[in-house]
Amino acid sequence: MTFVRTKLKLERMRPGEILSVRLRGEEPLRNVPRAARDEGHDILGVESHGDTYIVTIRRT
C-alpha cells in the first residue's frame, strides 16, 4: 500500500522533481526504493531517523 501512494504522488509530479517518503518498518524500506527504481526513478538517499526512514526519490 505504501508504494501505491508513492507511485500516485510520483505520477502527479514533473520529471526532475524530488519526493521524500517517510517509511516505517523493514518491508516498506525494501519495497518502496526497489519499486521506484523499477519504475525508472532515481533513489537519491535513505536516511534513518530512529524507527523511521526517509527515502528521497527523483522523478524521471
N, C-alpha and C. Protein backbone atom coordinates (compact mmCIF):
# COMPACT_ATOMS: atom_id res chain seq x y z
N MET A 1 0.82 -1.20 0.00
CA MET A 1 0.00 0.00 0.00
C MET A 1 0.87 1.26 0.00
N THR A 2 2.00 1.21 0.69
CA THR A 2 2.86 2.39 0.76
C THR A 2 3.37 2.80 -0.62
N PHE A 3 3.77 1.81 -1.44
CA PHE A 3 4.27 2.20 -2.76
C PHE A 3 3.15 2.70 -3.65
N VAL A 4 1.95 2.21 -3.47
CA VAL A 4 0.83 2.70 -4.28
C VAL A 4 0.66 4.20 -4.06
N ARG A 5 0.69 4.62 -2.82
CA ARG A 5 0.59 6.07 -2.53
C ARG A 5 1.77 6.84 -3.12
N THR A 6 2.96 6.26 -2.98
CA THR A 6 4.16 6.89 -3.52
C THR A 6 4.06 7.00 -5.03
N LYS A 7 3.64 5.93 -5.69
CA LYS A 7 3.51 5.92 -7.15
C LYS A 7 2.50 6.98 -7.62
N LEU A 8 1.38 7.08 -6.94
CA LEU A 8 0.37 8.07 -7.32
C LEU A 8 0.93 9.49 -7.21
N LYS A 9 1.67 9.74 -6.15
CA LYS A 9 2.29 11.05 -5.98
C LYS A 9 3.32 11.32 -7.07
N LEU A 10 4.16 10.33 -7.37
CA LEU A 10 5.17 10.50 -8.42
C LEU A 10 4.53 10.77 -9.77
N GLU A 11 3.41 10.13 -10.04
CA GLU A 11 2.73 10.34 -11.32
C GLU A 11 2.23 11.77 -11.49
N ARG A 12 1.96 12.46 -10.40
CA ARG A 12 1.48 13.84 -10.46
C ARG A 12 2.62 14.86 -10.52
N MET A 13 3.84 14.38 -10.38
CA MET A 13 5.00 15.27 -10.36
C MET A 13 5.60 15.39 -11.76
N ARG A 14 6.36 16.46 -11.96
CA ARG A 14 7.09 16.65 -13.22
C ARG A 14 8.45 15.97 -13.12
N PRO A 15 9.01 15.55 -14.26
CA PRO A 15 10.36 14.97 -14.25
C PRO A 15 11.35 15.92 -13.59
N GLY A 16 12.21 15.35 -12.76
CA GLY A 16 13.22 16.13 -12.05
C GLY A 16 12.80 16.56 -10.66
N GLU A 17 11.50 16.54 -10.36
CA GLU A 17 11.05 16.92 -9.03
C GLU A 17 11.44 15.83 -8.02
N ILE A 18 11.58 16.26 -6.78
CA ILE A 18 12.05 15.39 -5.70
C ILE A 18 10.92 15.11 -4.73
N LEU A 19 10.83 13.85 -4.31
CA LEU A 19 9.83 13.42 -3.34
C LEU A 19 10.54 12.76 -2.17
N SER A 20 10.19 13.15 -0.95
CA SER A 20 10.68 12.49 0.26
C SER A 20 9.54 11.69 0.84
N VAL A 21 9.81 10.41 1.11
CA VAL A 21 8.79 9.50 1.62
C VAL A 21 9.24 8.99 2.99
N ARG A 22 8.36 9.10 3.96
CA ARG A 22 8.64 8.60 5.32
C ARG A 22 8.12 7.17 5.42
N LEU A 23 9.00 6.26 5.83
CA LEU A 23 8.64 4.85 5.91
C LEU A 23 8.92 4.31 7.31
N ARG A 24 8.10 3.35 7.71
CA ARG A 24 8.32 2.64 8.97
C ARG A 24 8.32 1.16 8.68
N GLY A 25 9.31 0.47 9.21
CA GLY A 25 9.38 -0.98 9.06
C GLY A 25 10.31 -1.39 7.93
N GLU A 26 10.78 -2.61 8.05
CA GLU A 26 11.74 -3.13 7.08
C GLU A 26 11.13 -3.43 5.72
N GLU A 27 9.90 -3.94 5.69
CA GLU A 27 9.29 -4.30 4.41
C GLU A 27 9.11 -3.09 3.49
N PRO A 28 8.50 -2.00 3.96
CA PRO A 28 8.41 -0.82 3.08
C PRO A 28 9.79 -0.29 2.68
N LEU A 29 10.75 -0.38 3.59
CA LEU A 29 12.10 0.10 3.29
C LEU A 29 12.73 -0.71 2.15
N ARG A 30 12.43 -1.99 2.07
CA ARG A 30 12.91 -2.82 0.96
C ARG A 30 12.11 -2.56 -0.30
N ASN A 31 10.79 -2.49 -0.17
CA ASN A 31 9.91 -2.47 -1.34
C ASN A 31 9.82 -1.13 -2.05
N VAL A 32 9.71 -0.04 -1.33
CA VAL A 32 9.48 1.26 -1.97
C VAL A 32 10.67 1.68 -2.84
N PRO A 33 11.91 1.66 -2.33
CA PRO A 33 13.03 2.03 -3.22
C PRO A 33 13.16 1.09 -4.42
N ARG A 34 12.99 -0.20 -4.20
CA ARG A 34 13.10 -1.16 -5.30
C ARG A 34 12.04 -0.89 -6.37
N ALA A 35 10.80 -0.69 -5.95
CA ALA A 35 9.71 -0.45 -6.89
C ALA A 35 9.91 0.88 -7.62
N ALA A 36 10.39 1.89 -6.92
CA ALA A 36 10.64 3.19 -7.56
C ALA A 36 11.73 3.05 -8.62
N ARG A 37 12.79 2.31 -8.31
CA ARG A 37 13.84 2.06 -9.30
C ARG A 37 13.28 1.29 -10.49
N ASP A 38 12.45 0.29 -10.22
CA ASP A 38 11.84 -0.49 -11.30
C ASP A 38 10.99 0.38 -12.22
N GLU A 39 10.41 1.45 -11.67
CA GLU A 39 9.61 2.39 -12.46
C GLU A 39 10.50 3.39 -13.21
N GLY A 40 11.81 3.34 -12.94
CA GLY A 40 12.74 4.21 -13.65
C GLY A 40 13.16 5.45 -12.90
N HIS A 41 12.74 5.61 -11.65
CA HIS A 41 13.08 6.79 -10.86
C HIS A 41 14.42 6.60 -10.15
N ASP A 42 15.02 7.70 -9.73
CA ASP A 42 16.32 7.67 -9.06
C ASP A 42 16.12 7.75 -7.55
N ILE A 43 16.80 6.89 -6.82
CA ILE A 43 16.81 6.96 -5.36
C ILE A 43 18.03 7.80 -4.98
N LEU A 44 17.78 8.96 -4.39
CA LEU A 44 18.86 9.88 -4.05
C LEU A 44 19.45 9.61 -2.67
N GLY A 45 18.66 8.97 -1.81
CA GLY A 45 19.19 8.69 -0.48
C GLY A 45 18.16 8.04 0.42
N VAL A 46 18.70 7.41 1.46
CA VAL A 46 17.87 6.81 2.50
C VAL A 46 18.50 7.21 3.83
N GLU A 47 17.72 7.88 4.66
CA GLU A 47 18.20 8.33 5.97
C GLU A 47 17.41 7.64 7.06
N SER A 48 18.12 7.24 8.10
CA SER A 48 17.48 6.62 9.25
C SER A 48 17.26 7.66 10.34
N HIS A 49 16.04 7.68 10.88
CA HIS A 49 15.68 8.57 11.99
C HIS A 49 14.97 7.71 13.04
N GLY A 50 15.75 6.95 13.78
CA GLY A 50 15.15 6.05 14.76
C GLY A 50 14.44 4.90 14.06
N ASP A 51 13.15 4.76 14.31
CA ASP A 51 12.39 3.68 13.67
C ASP A 51 11.73 4.14 12.36
N THR A 52 12.07 5.33 11.90
CA THR A 52 11.53 5.88 10.66
C THR A 52 12.67 6.10 9.67
N TYR A 53 12.37 5.90 8.40
CA TYR A 53 13.34 6.13 7.34
C TYR A 53 12.75 7.16 6.37
N ILE A 54 13.62 8.00 5.84
CA ILE A 54 13.24 8.96 4.82
C ILE A 54 13.94 8.55 3.53
N VAL A 55 13.14 8.23 2.51
CA VAL A 55 13.67 7.86 1.19
C VAL A 55 13.43 9.05 0.26
N THR A 56 14.48 9.50 -0.39
CA THR A 56 14.38 10.63 -1.30
C THR A 56 14.45 10.10 -2.73
N ILE A 57 13.43 10.45 -3.52
CA ILE A 57 13.27 9.93 -4.88
C ILE A 57 13.17 11.09 -5.85
N ARG A 58 13.93 10.99 -6.97
CA ARG A 58 13.79 11.98 -8.05
C ARG A 58 12.98 11.35 -9.17
N ARG A 59 11.90 12.03 -9.56
CA ARG A 59 11.07 11.52 -10.65
C ARG A 59 11.80 11.68 -11.97
N THR A 60 11.76 10.66 -12.79
CA THR A 60 12.42 10.73 -14.10
C THR A 60 11.38 10.82 -15.20
